[in-house]
N, C-alpha and C. Protein backbone atom coordinates (compact mmCIF):
# COMPACT_ATOMS: atom_id res chain seq x y z
N MET A 1 11.01 -20.48 42.46
CA MET A 1 9.60 -20.48 42.43
C MET A 1 9.08 -21.98 42.53
N LYS A 2 8.12 -22.22 43.36
CA LYS A 2 7.58 -23.56 43.55
C LYS A 2 6.69 -23.86 42.36
N ILE A 3 6.92 -25.01 41.73
CA ILE A 3 6.12 -25.47 40.58
C ILE A 3 5.25 -26.61 40.99
N ASN A 4 3.94 -26.28 40.90
CA ASN A 4 2.89 -27.25 41.16
C ASN A 4 2.42 -27.91 39.83
N LEU A 5 3.30 -28.74 39.22
CA LEU A 5 2.95 -29.28 37.90
C LEU A 5 3.47 -30.70 37.90
N ALA A 6 2.62 -31.62 37.53
CA ALA A 6 3.05 -33.04 37.43
C ALA A 6 4.00 -33.22 36.31
N ALA A 7 5.03 -34.00 36.57
CA ALA A 7 6.06 -34.21 35.53
C ALA A 7 5.67 -35.30 34.60
N THR A 8 4.75 -35.06 33.76
CA THR A 8 4.29 -35.98 32.76
C THR A 8 4.58 -35.64 31.36
N LYS A 9 4.55 -36.58 30.39
CA LYS A 9 4.79 -36.16 29.01
C LYS A 9 3.69 -35.33 28.47
N THR A 10 2.44 -35.53 28.98
CA THR A 10 1.32 -34.71 28.51
C THR A 10 1.57 -33.21 28.92
N ASN A 11 1.97 -33.02 30.16
CA ASN A 11 2.26 -31.65 30.61
C ASN A 11 3.52 -31.12 29.90
N LEU A 12 4.46 -31.96 29.60
CA LEU A 12 5.62 -31.55 28.87
C LEU A 12 5.18 -31.02 27.41
N PHE A 13 4.31 -31.67 26.80
CA PHE A 13 3.84 -31.28 25.47
C PHE A 13 3.07 -29.97 25.59
N LYS A 14 2.19 -29.85 26.67
CA LYS A 14 1.45 -28.61 26.88
C LYS A 14 2.35 -27.40 27.08
N VAL A 15 3.36 -27.58 27.94
CA VAL A 15 4.27 -26.52 28.28
C VAL A 15 5.07 -26.07 27.05
N LYS A 16 5.53 -27.06 26.31
CA LYS A 16 6.34 -26.72 25.05
C LYS A 16 5.43 -25.95 24.10
N LYS A 17 4.17 -26.33 24.00
CA LYS A 17 3.20 -25.63 23.11
C LYS A 17 3.03 -24.24 23.58
N ASN A 18 2.69 -24.11 24.92
CA ASN A 18 2.53 -22.75 25.44
C ASN A 18 3.75 -21.83 25.31
N LEU A 19 4.94 -22.45 25.50
CA LEU A 19 6.18 -21.69 25.32
C LEU A 19 6.30 -21.24 23.81
N GLU A 20 6.05 -22.11 22.93
CA GLU A 20 6.11 -21.75 21.50
C GLU A 20 5.12 -20.64 21.15
N LEU A 21 3.86 -20.77 21.59
CA LEU A 21 2.89 -19.78 21.31
C LEU A 21 3.22 -18.43 21.93
N SER A 22 3.75 -18.49 23.16
CA SER A 22 4.17 -17.24 23.84
C SER A 22 5.31 -16.50 23.09
N ARG A 23 6.28 -17.34 22.53
CA ARG A 23 7.42 -16.77 21.79
C ARG A 23 6.81 -16.11 20.47
N GLU A 24 5.92 -16.82 19.83
CA GLU A 24 5.33 -16.31 18.63
C GLU A 24 4.55 -15.01 18.95
N GLY A 25 3.78 -15.03 20.04
CA GLY A 25 3.01 -13.87 20.37
C GLY A 25 3.92 -12.67 20.74
N PHE A 26 5.03 -12.96 21.42
CA PHE A 26 6.01 -11.92 21.76
C PHE A 26 6.55 -11.27 20.49
N GLU A 27 6.93 -12.13 19.51
CA GLU A 27 7.55 -11.59 18.27
C GLU A 27 6.52 -10.70 17.56
N LEU A 28 5.24 -11.18 17.44
CA LEU A 28 4.21 -10.32 16.76
C LEU A 28 3.96 -9.08 17.52
N LEU A 29 3.81 -9.15 18.80
CA LEU A 29 3.51 -7.90 19.59
C LEU A 29 4.71 -6.92 19.53
N ASP A 30 5.89 -7.46 19.65
CA ASP A 30 7.03 -6.61 19.59
C ASP A 30 7.17 -5.88 18.23
N GLU A 31 6.82 -6.67 17.16
CA GLU A 31 6.79 -6.01 15.85
C GLU A 31 5.70 -4.96 15.75
N LYS A 32 4.53 -5.23 16.37
CA LYS A 32 3.45 -4.27 16.43
C LYS A 32 3.86 -3.03 17.19
N ARG A 33 4.61 -3.25 18.30
CA ARG A 33 5.05 -2.08 19.10
C ARG A 33 6.03 -1.26 18.27
N ARG A 34 6.90 -1.91 17.52
CA ARG A 34 7.83 -1.08 16.71
C ARG A 34 7.11 -0.32 15.62
N ILE A 35 6.18 -0.89 14.98
CA ILE A 35 5.40 -0.16 13.95
C ILE A 35 4.60 1.00 14.52
N LEU A 36 3.97 0.73 15.70
CA LEU A 36 3.19 1.79 16.32
C LEU A 36 4.09 2.90 16.81
N MET A 37 5.28 2.59 17.32
CA MET A 37 6.17 3.65 17.78
C MET A 37 6.70 4.51 16.62
N ASN A 38 6.97 3.88 15.46
CA ASN A 38 7.37 4.60 14.25
C ASN A 38 6.23 5.55 13.80
N GLU A 39 5.01 5.03 13.81
CA GLU A 39 3.87 5.80 13.37
C GLU A 39 3.63 6.97 14.36
N LEU A 40 3.79 6.73 15.63
CA LEU A 40 3.60 7.71 16.70
C LEU A 40 4.65 8.83 16.52
N THR A 41 5.90 8.36 16.28
CA THR A 41 6.94 9.39 16.16
C THR A 41 6.73 10.23 14.88
N THR A 42 6.28 9.65 13.81
CA THR A 42 5.99 10.40 12.63
C THR A 42 4.91 11.43 12.86
N ILE A 43 3.81 11.01 13.53
CA ILE A 43 2.68 11.90 13.78
C ILE A 43 3.08 13.05 14.74
N VAL A 44 3.98 12.73 15.72
CA VAL A 44 4.46 13.76 16.61
C VAL A 44 5.05 14.88 15.87
N HIS A 45 5.92 14.51 14.95
CA HIS A 45 6.62 15.52 14.15
C HIS A 45 5.71 16.37 13.33
N ILE A 46 4.74 15.69 12.75
CA ILE A 46 3.74 16.40 11.95
C ILE A 46 2.89 17.33 12.80
N ALA A 47 2.48 16.81 13.95
CA ALA A 47 1.67 17.65 14.85
C ALA A 47 2.43 18.86 15.41
N GLU A 48 3.70 18.61 15.71
CA GLU A 48 4.53 19.80 16.15
C GLU A 48 4.58 20.85 15.06
N SER A 49 4.82 20.41 13.77
CA SER A 49 4.89 21.37 12.65
C SER A 49 3.54 22.04 12.46
N LEU A 50 2.45 21.28 12.61
CA LEU A 50 1.12 21.91 12.39
C LEU A 50 0.81 22.91 13.47
N GLN A 51 1.23 22.53 14.70
CA GLN A 51 0.97 23.43 15.86
C GLN A 51 1.71 24.77 15.58
N HIS A 52 2.95 24.68 15.12
CA HIS A 52 3.77 25.88 14.80
C HIS A 52 2.97 26.68 13.67
N ASP A 53 2.50 25.97 12.67
CA ASP A 53 1.81 26.64 11.53
C ASP A 53 0.53 27.31 12.07
N VAL A 54 -0.23 26.61 12.97
CA VAL A 54 -1.46 27.23 13.45
C VAL A 54 -1.10 28.46 14.23
N ASN A 55 -0.13 28.39 15.15
CA ASN A 55 0.27 29.56 15.93
C ASN A 55 0.61 30.71 15.06
N ASP A 56 1.43 30.51 14.03
CA ASP A 56 1.81 31.55 13.12
C ASP A 56 0.61 32.08 12.35
N ALA A 57 -0.21 31.20 11.87
CA ALA A 57 -1.38 31.65 11.07
C ALA A 57 -2.38 32.43 11.90
N LEU A 58 -2.60 32.04 13.13
CA LEU A 58 -3.44 32.78 14.02
C LEU A 58 -2.86 34.21 14.33
N LYS A 59 -1.57 34.22 14.62
CA LYS A 59 -0.92 35.49 14.84
C LYS A 59 -1.10 36.45 13.67
N GLN A 60 -0.85 35.91 12.49
CA GLN A 60 -0.94 36.73 11.28
C GLN A 60 -2.39 37.18 11.06
N ALA A 61 -3.30 36.31 11.27
CA ALA A 61 -4.77 36.58 11.00
C ALA A 61 -5.27 37.63 11.94
N TYR A 62 -4.82 37.62 13.24
CA TYR A 62 -5.29 38.61 14.18
C TYR A 62 -4.64 39.99 13.96
N GLU A 63 -3.40 39.91 13.59
CA GLU A 63 -2.63 41.13 13.22
C GLU A 63 -3.25 41.82 12.05
N LEU A 64 -3.61 41.00 11.08
CA LEU A 64 -4.29 41.49 9.86
C LEU A 64 -5.71 42.09 10.23
N MET A 65 -6.36 41.40 11.09
CA MET A 65 -7.70 41.89 11.50
C MET A 65 -7.55 43.24 12.23
N ASP A 66 -6.58 43.31 13.14
CA ASP A 66 -6.39 44.58 13.86
C ASP A 66 -6.07 45.71 12.86
N LYS A 67 -5.31 45.46 11.87
CA LYS A 67 -5.01 46.54 10.88
C LYS A 67 -6.34 46.87 10.10
N THR A 68 -7.10 45.88 9.82
CA THR A 68 -8.40 46.07 9.09
C THR A 68 -9.36 46.92 9.96
N ILE A 69 -9.36 46.64 11.21
CA ILE A 69 -10.30 47.43 12.13
C ILE A 69 -9.79 48.87 12.17
N VAL A 70 -8.45 49.03 12.30
CA VAL A 70 -7.88 50.38 12.41
C VAL A 70 -8.22 51.19 11.11
N LEU A 71 -8.14 50.46 9.98
CA LEU A 71 -8.33 51.18 8.66
C LEU A 71 -9.76 51.45 8.39
N SER A 72 -10.72 50.50 8.80
CA SER A 72 -12.12 50.68 8.38
C SER A 72 -12.99 51.03 9.55
N GLY A 73 -12.58 50.81 10.78
CA GLY A 73 -13.46 51.03 11.94
C GLY A 73 -14.13 49.76 12.39
N ARG A 74 -14.31 49.63 13.67
CA ARG A 74 -14.83 48.38 14.22
C ARG A 74 -16.30 48.22 13.78
N LYS A 75 -17.09 49.31 13.74
CA LYS A 75 -18.46 49.24 13.43
C LYS A 75 -18.63 48.68 11.93
N LYS A 76 -17.88 49.20 11.08
CA LYS A 76 -17.91 48.80 9.65
C LYS A 76 -17.52 47.36 9.53
N ILE A 77 -16.58 46.88 10.22
CA ILE A 77 -16.11 45.45 10.14
C ILE A 77 -17.15 44.59 10.68
N GLU A 78 -17.84 44.98 11.81
CA GLU A 78 -18.97 44.14 12.34
C GLU A 78 -20.09 44.04 11.42
N GLU A 79 -20.46 45.16 10.66
CA GLU A 79 -21.44 45.06 9.74
C GLU A 79 -21.08 44.13 8.52
N LEU A 80 -19.84 44.20 8.09
CA LEU A 80 -19.44 43.31 6.95
C LEU A 80 -19.42 41.87 7.46
N ALA A 81 -19.03 41.63 8.69
CA ALA A 81 -18.98 40.29 9.22
C ALA A 81 -20.40 39.62 9.22
N LEU A 82 -21.39 40.39 9.37
CA LEU A 82 -22.74 39.85 9.38
C LEU A 82 -23.17 39.44 7.98
N ALA A 83 -22.54 40.09 6.95
CA ALA A 83 -22.92 39.78 5.60
C ALA A 83 -22.14 38.61 5.05
N VAL A 84 -21.07 38.21 5.72
CA VAL A 84 -20.28 37.04 5.18
C VAL A 84 -20.91 35.76 5.56
N ASN A 85 -21.20 34.95 4.53
CA ASN A 85 -21.91 33.75 4.71
C ASN A 85 -20.97 32.57 4.31
N ILE A 86 -20.23 32.03 5.25
CA ILE A 86 -19.36 30.90 5.00
C ILE A 86 -19.71 29.83 5.95
N LYS A 87 -19.96 28.64 5.35
CA LYS A 87 -20.34 27.46 6.12
C LYS A 87 -19.22 26.41 6.04
N SER A 88 -18.93 25.83 7.21
CA SER A 88 -17.96 24.78 7.21
C SER A 88 -18.59 23.44 7.67
N THR A 89 -18.29 22.38 7.05
CA THR A 89 -18.83 21.06 7.33
C THR A 89 -17.59 20.07 7.53
N ILE A 90 -17.68 19.32 8.60
CA ILE A 90 -16.65 18.33 8.89
C ILE A 90 -17.09 16.97 8.52
N PHE A 91 -16.35 16.20 7.79
CA PHE A 91 -16.64 14.81 7.44
C PHE A 91 -15.66 13.92 8.22
N LEU A 92 -16.12 13.03 8.90
CA LEU A 92 -15.25 12.10 9.73
C LEU A 92 -15.27 10.73 9.15
N SER A 93 -14.13 10.11 8.96
CA SER A 93 -13.92 8.76 8.58
C SER A 93 -12.75 8.19 9.42
N GLN A 94 -12.44 6.95 9.15
CA GLN A 94 -11.34 6.30 9.90
C GLN A 94 -10.49 5.45 9.01
N LYS A 95 -9.30 5.26 9.42
CA LYS A 95 -8.40 4.24 8.81
C LYS A 95 -7.76 3.48 9.91
N LYS A 96 -7.25 2.29 9.61
CA LYS A 96 -6.69 1.44 10.66
C LYS A 96 -5.22 1.34 10.57
N VAL A 97 -4.52 1.46 11.70
CA VAL A 97 -3.02 1.26 11.75
C VAL A 97 -2.81 0.21 12.86
N MET A 98 -2.45 -1.00 12.43
CA MET A 98 -2.26 -2.09 13.36
C MET A 98 -3.42 -2.27 14.32
N GLY A 99 -4.64 -2.13 13.76
CA GLY A 99 -5.86 -2.37 14.57
C GLY A 99 -6.34 -1.12 15.26
N VAL A 100 -5.59 -0.06 15.15
CA VAL A 100 -6.00 1.19 15.93
C VAL A 100 -6.82 2.08 14.87
N ASN A 101 -7.98 2.51 15.30
CA ASN A 101 -8.79 3.44 14.46
C ASN A 101 -8.24 4.86 14.50
N ILE A 102 -7.75 5.27 13.35
CA ILE A 102 -7.09 6.60 13.23
C ILE A 102 -8.08 7.53 12.54
N PRO A 103 -8.46 8.66 13.05
CA PRO A 103 -9.45 9.49 12.37
C PRO A 103 -8.93 10.20 11.14
N VAL A 104 -9.77 10.36 10.14
CA VAL A 104 -9.53 11.20 8.98
C VAL A 104 -10.55 12.21 8.93
N ILE A 105 -10.10 13.48 9.08
CA ILE A 105 -11.05 14.61 9.14
C ILE A 105 -10.94 15.43 7.97
N ASP A 106 -12.01 15.58 7.24
CA ASP A 106 -12.12 16.42 6.02
C ASP A 106 -12.93 17.62 6.24
N LEU A 107 -12.44 18.79 5.94
CA LEU A 107 -13.18 20.01 6.12
C LEU A 107 -13.66 20.56 4.75
N LYS A 108 -14.97 20.81 4.62
CA LYS A 108 -15.46 21.37 3.39
C LYS A 108 -16.02 22.75 3.72
N VAL A 109 -15.48 23.74 3.01
CA VAL A 109 -15.95 25.09 3.23
C VAL A 109 -16.80 25.56 2.04
N SER A 110 -18.09 25.91 2.26
CA SER A 110 -18.98 26.32 1.21
C SER A 110 -19.22 27.82 1.37
N GLU A 111 -19.16 28.54 0.30
CA GLU A 111 -19.41 29.99 0.28
C GLU A 111 -19.92 30.45 -1.06
N ASN A 112 -20.47 31.61 -1.08
CA ASN A 112 -20.99 32.16 -2.37
C ASN A 112 -20.66 33.67 -2.42
N PRO A 113 -19.37 33.98 -2.61
CA PRO A 113 -18.95 35.41 -2.67
C PRO A 113 -19.53 36.04 -3.99
N PRO A 114 -19.56 37.39 -4.10
CA PRO A 114 -19.21 38.32 -3.08
C PRO A 114 -20.30 38.46 -2.03
N TYR A 115 -19.77 38.82 -0.83
CA TYR A 115 -20.74 39.01 0.31
C TYR A 115 -21.18 40.43 0.40
N TYR A 116 -20.46 41.35 -0.14
CA TYR A 116 -20.76 42.81 -0.03
C TYR A 116 -20.21 43.49 -1.26
N SER A 117 -20.67 44.70 -1.46
CA SER A 117 -20.17 45.52 -2.46
C SER A 117 -18.69 45.94 -2.20
N PRO A 118 -17.85 45.80 -3.22
CA PRO A 118 -16.44 46.21 -2.95
C PRO A 118 -16.24 47.72 -2.76
N HIS A 119 -17.28 48.48 -3.01
CA HIS A 119 -17.19 49.92 -2.87
C HIS A 119 -16.86 50.30 -1.37
N ASP A 120 -15.91 51.05 -1.20
CA ASP A 120 -15.57 51.62 0.11
C ASP A 120 -15.22 50.45 1.16
N VAL A 121 -14.76 49.36 0.65
CA VAL A 121 -14.37 48.24 1.51
C VAL A 121 -12.87 48.01 1.26
N ALA A 122 -12.07 48.06 2.34
CA ALA A 122 -10.59 47.93 2.27
C ALA A 122 -10.31 46.48 1.83
N PHE A 123 -9.26 46.38 1.01
CA PHE A 123 -8.82 45.01 0.52
C PHE A 123 -8.42 44.12 1.59
N LEU A 124 -8.06 44.71 2.78
CA LEU A 124 -7.63 43.96 3.94
C LEU A 124 -8.71 43.08 4.49
N VAL A 125 -9.99 43.46 4.17
CA VAL A 125 -11.09 42.65 4.66
C VAL A 125 -11.11 41.27 3.96
N ASP A 126 -10.93 41.30 2.63
CA ASP A 126 -10.83 40.02 1.93
C ASP A 126 -9.65 39.20 2.34
N GLU A 127 -8.53 39.87 2.56
CA GLU A 127 -7.36 39.21 3.04
C GLU A 127 -7.52 38.57 4.39
N SER A 128 -8.22 39.19 5.31
CA SER A 128 -8.55 38.72 6.63
C SER A 128 -9.41 37.41 6.51
N ILE A 129 -10.44 37.45 5.64
CA ILE A 129 -11.29 36.31 5.47
C ILE A 129 -10.43 35.11 4.91
N LEU A 130 -9.63 35.35 4.01
CA LEU A 130 -8.73 34.24 3.45
C LEU A 130 -7.88 33.63 4.54
N LYS A 131 -7.33 34.54 5.35
CA LYS A 131 -6.32 34.08 6.41
C LYS A 131 -7.03 33.31 7.46
N PHE A 132 -8.29 33.69 7.78
CA PHE A 132 -8.98 32.91 8.87
C PHE A 132 -9.49 31.63 8.28
N LYS A 133 -9.87 31.53 7.03
CA LYS A 133 -10.19 30.23 6.38
C LYS A 133 -8.94 29.28 6.42
N GLU A 134 -7.78 29.83 6.17
CA GLU A 134 -6.56 29.05 6.24
C GLU A 134 -6.31 28.52 7.64
N VAL A 135 -6.58 29.34 8.63
CA VAL A 135 -6.42 28.95 10.04
C VAL A 135 -7.40 27.82 10.36
N LEU A 136 -8.64 27.86 9.86
CA LEU A 136 -9.60 26.86 10.12
C LEU A 136 -9.15 25.49 9.49
N LYS A 137 -8.63 25.49 8.33
CA LYS A 137 -8.16 24.25 7.74
C LYS A 137 -6.95 23.70 8.45
N LEU A 138 -6.06 24.56 8.96
CA LEU A 138 -4.86 24.03 9.75
C LEU A 138 -5.31 23.46 11.07
N ILE A 139 -6.28 24.11 11.76
CA ILE A 139 -6.81 23.58 12.99
C ILE A 139 -7.41 22.24 12.85
N THR A 140 -8.14 22.01 11.70
CA THR A 140 -8.74 20.77 11.39
C THR A 140 -7.70 19.63 11.29
N LYS A 141 -6.59 20.00 10.53
CA LYS A 141 -5.55 18.95 10.36
C LYS A 141 -4.84 18.70 11.75
N LEU A 142 -4.67 19.73 12.53
CA LEU A 142 -4.01 19.53 13.79
C LEU A 142 -4.85 18.68 14.72
N ALA A 143 -6.19 18.92 14.71
CA ALA A 143 -7.09 18.08 15.50
C ALA A 143 -7.07 16.62 15.11
N GLU A 144 -6.93 16.38 13.88
CA GLU A 144 -6.86 15.01 13.36
C GLU A 144 -5.58 14.33 13.90
N LYS A 145 -4.45 14.99 13.83
CA LYS A 145 -3.22 14.45 14.33
C LYS A 145 -3.16 14.25 15.82
N LYS A 146 -3.79 15.24 16.51
CA LYS A 146 -3.74 15.11 18.02
C LYS A 146 -4.65 13.91 18.52
N ILE A 147 -5.78 13.73 17.89
CA ILE A 147 -6.64 12.56 18.24
C ILE A 147 -5.91 11.24 17.96
N SER A 148 -5.22 11.24 16.78
CA SER A 148 -4.43 10.08 16.37
C SER A 148 -3.33 9.79 17.40
N LEU A 149 -2.65 10.86 17.88
CA LEU A 149 -1.66 10.65 18.88
C LEU A 149 -2.20 10.05 20.13
N LEU A 150 -3.32 10.47 20.62
CA LEU A 150 -3.89 9.96 21.87
C LEU A 150 -4.23 8.49 21.72
N ARG A 151 -4.81 8.11 20.52
CA ARG A 151 -5.23 6.75 20.34
C ARG A 151 -4.02 5.78 20.14
N LEU A 152 -2.99 6.29 19.41
CA LEU A 152 -1.82 5.52 19.22
C LEU A 152 -1.03 5.27 20.50
N ALA A 153 -0.94 6.42 21.24
CA ALA A 153 -0.15 6.32 22.53
C ALA A 153 -0.84 5.32 23.46
N LYS A 154 -2.16 5.33 23.53
CA LYS A 154 -2.85 4.40 24.39
C LYS A 154 -2.63 2.93 23.98
N GLU A 155 -2.63 2.68 22.61
CA GLU A 155 -2.38 1.37 22.16
C GLU A 155 -0.95 0.89 22.34
N VAL A 156 0.02 1.91 22.19
CA VAL A 156 1.41 1.59 22.47
C VAL A 156 1.60 1.12 23.94
N GLN A 157 0.91 1.87 24.89
CA GLN A 157 1.14 1.44 26.28
C GLN A 157 0.49 0.02 26.50
N LYS A 158 -0.61 -0.27 25.97
CA LYS A 158 -1.19 -1.65 26.12
C LYS A 158 -0.27 -2.69 25.54
N THR A 159 0.24 -2.37 24.31
CA THR A 159 1.13 -3.33 23.69
C THR A 159 2.42 -3.60 24.48
N ILE A 160 3.00 -2.46 25.00
CA ILE A 160 4.26 -2.60 25.78
C ILE A 160 4.00 -3.47 27.04
N ARG A 161 2.82 -3.28 27.70
CA ARG A 161 2.50 -4.12 28.84
C ARG A 161 2.39 -5.54 28.47
N LYS A 162 1.86 -5.80 27.34
CA LYS A 162 1.72 -7.24 26.92
C LYS A 162 3.08 -7.87 26.62
N VAL A 163 3.91 -7.05 25.88
CA VAL A 163 5.25 -7.52 25.54
C VAL A 163 6.03 -7.79 26.77
N ASN A 164 6.00 -6.90 27.73
CA ASN A 164 6.75 -7.07 29.03
C ASN A 164 6.25 -8.30 29.78
N ALA A 165 4.89 -8.48 29.74
CA ALA A 165 4.39 -9.64 30.48
C ALA A 165 4.90 -10.95 29.96
N LEU A 166 4.90 -10.96 28.61
CA LEU A 166 5.38 -12.19 27.88
C LEU A 166 6.84 -12.40 28.12
N GLU A 167 7.64 -11.31 28.01
CA GLU A 167 9.08 -11.41 28.10
C GLU A 167 9.57 -11.69 29.55
N LYS A 168 8.89 -11.05 30.48
CA LYS A 168 9.50 -11.14 31.82
C LYS A 168 8.74 -12.01 32.76
N VAL A 169 7.54 -12.50 32.35
CA VAL A 169 6.78 -13.38 33.23
C VAL A 169 6.42 -14.70 32.55
N HIS A 170 5.64 -14.69 31.52
CA HIS A 170 5.16 -15.89 30.96
C HIS A 170 6.21 -16.75 30.31
N ILE A 171 7.03 -16.19 29.48
CA ILE A 171 8.04 -17.03 28.84
C ILE A 171 9.07 -17.56 29.81
N PRO A 172 9.59 -16.83 30.79
CA PRO A 172 10.45 -17.37 31.81
C PRO A 172 9.76 -18.48 32.64
N ASN A 173 8.48 -18.29 32.95
CA ASN A 173 7.79 -19.35 33.65
C ASN A 173 7.67 -20.65 32.91
N PHE A 174 7.32 -20.48 31.62
CA PHE A 174 7.21 -21.72 30.80
C PHE A 174 8.60 -22.41 30.62
N ARG A 175 9.61 -21.63 30.46
CA ARG A 175 10.90 -22.17 30.41
C ARG A 175 11.32 -23.00 31.70
N GLU A 176 10.96 -22.33 32.84
CA GLU A 176 11.28 -22.99 34.15
C GLU A 176 10.45 -24.28 34.28
N ASN A 177 9.18 -24.19 33.88
CA ASN A 177 8.35 -25.45 33.96
C ASN A 177 8.90 -26.50 33.05
N LEU A 178 9.32 -26.09 31.82
CA LEU A 178 9.85 -27.08 30.90
C LEU A 178 11.08 -27.75 31.48
N LYS A 179 12.00 -26.93 32.01
CA LYS A 179 13.18 -27.51 32.60
C LYS A 179 12.91 -28.46 33.75
N PHE A 180 11.94 -28.02 34.58
CA PHE A 180 11.53 -28.86 35.76
C PHE A 180 11.00 -30.22 35.32
N ILE A 181 10.11 -30.22 34.31
CA ILE A 181 9.49 -31.52 33.84
C ILE A 181 10.58 -32.28 33.16
N ASN A 182 11.40 -31.71 32.35
CA ASN A 182 12.50 -32.46 31.65
C ASN A 182 13.42 -33.09 32.66
N ASP A 183 13.79 -32.33 33.70
CA ASP A 183 14.72 -32.87 34.70
C ASP A 183 14.05 -34.01 35.46
N ARG A 184 12.79 -33.90 35.83
CA ARG A 184 12.10 -34.93 36.57
C ARG A 184 11.93 -36.22 35.72
N LEU A 185 11.59 -35.96 34.43
CA LEU A 185 11.46 -37.14 33.53
C LEU A 185 12.75 -37.86 33.29
N ASP A 186 13.84 -37.03 33.12
CA ASP A 186 15.20 -37.71 33.05
C ASP A 186 15.55 -38.45 34.26
N GLU A 187 15.20 -37.87 35.43
CA GLU A 187 15.53 -38.52 36.73
C GLU A 187 14.72 -39.85 36.79
N GLU A 188 13.43 -39.78 36.45
CA GLU A 188 12.58 -40.96 36.49
C GLU A 188 13.08 -42.06 35.54
N SER A 189 13.60 -41.55 34.33
CA SER A 189 14.06 -42.51 33.37
C SER A 189 15.34 -43.22 33.92
N ARG A 190 16.20 -42.43 34.53
CA ARG A 190 17.42 -43.01 35.09
C ARG A 190 17.11 -43.99 36.19
N GLU A 191 16.12 -43.60 37.03
CA GLU A 191 15.73 -44.50 38.15
C GLU A 191 15.12 -45.85 37.59
N ALA A 192 14.30 -45.62 36.50
CA ALA A 192 13.64 -46.81 35.88
C ALA A 192 14.71 -47.78 35.27
N PHE A 193 15.78 -47.13 34.70
CA PHE A 193 16.80 -47.93 34.06
C PHE A 193 17.61 -48.63 35.13
N SER A 194 17.94 -47.92 36.22
CA SER A 194 18.68 -48.56 37.31
C SER A 194 17.87 -49.71 37.90
N MET A 195 16.58 -49.42 38.08
CA MET A 195 15.73 -50.51 38.68
C MET A 195 15.64 -51.72 37.75
N SER A 196 15.63 -51.43 36.41
CA SER A 196 15.58 -52.54 35.48
C SER A 196 16.79 -53.33 35.50
N LYS A 197 17.97 -52.69 35.55
CA LYS A 197 19.24 -53.40 35.69
C LYS A 197 19.33 -54.29 36.94
N LEU A 198 18.87 -53.67 38.05
CA LEU A 198 18.82 -54.38 39.31
C LEU A 198 18.00 -55.58 39.26
N ILE A 199 16.79 -55.47 38.67
CA ILE A 199 15.87 -56.60 38.57
C ILE A 199 16.50 -57.73 37.73
N LYS A 200 17.10 -57.34 36.58
CA LYS A 200 17.71 -58.31 35.71
C LYS A 200 18.87 -59.04 36.43
N LYS A 201 19.63 -58.27 37.18
CA LYS A 201 20.79 -58.90 37.87
C LYS A 201 20.29 -59.85 38.93
N ARG A 202 19.23 -59.52 39.62
CA ARG A 202 18.66 -60.48 40.61
C ARG A 202 18.07 -61.74 39.97
N ILE A 203 17.46 -61.52 38.82
CA ILE A 203 16.84 -62.72 38.12
C ILE A 203 18.03 -63.68 37.68
N LYS A 204 19.06 -63.05 37.20
CA LYS A 204 20.20 -63.95 36.72
C LYS A 204 20.86 -64.66 37.90
N SER A 205 20.90 -64.00 39.07
CA SER A 205 21.48 -64.64 40.19
C SER A 205 20.47 -65.62 40.84
């Protein structure tokens, strides 16, 4: 690579400083990458587990609802559904992981049972309500983890690009510049020494 840099002590100091800063930046970013990757791996496992739980809970909830409809009739269930007054509110906040905003989602379910007279109402109706409330809470947790995954993955990609740029481009360039300047300064020093000896020899003669 052609180096367009004057071989001066000022440039030598600048290159040494830049090389030192690049190495420090590389170490910090590499540590950040490792921490983010660990966090990402942990959340992946949690999200996979939650996805499995959501799938199972949904399957159980719909199977229970099918049994309830068979037992009580669709019209009866539709009437009872209109009487159920359950409100859900989502509260959003954030926490930071290595500068990345990670969402924290809290679900608050407010209700005021009983919604209907228990007379002539199958117990499976209450079981179905409880099961779907469980599903809602699991979906909220899963959403939190999936958003976290997207944000962390994006930050990991950015950090890896910076680490690679420092490791494969900037640090090697600074090392090459440093060697070039050192070599030129050493050469100039030897030439100056030789010239000094020659001048002294001529003066003596």
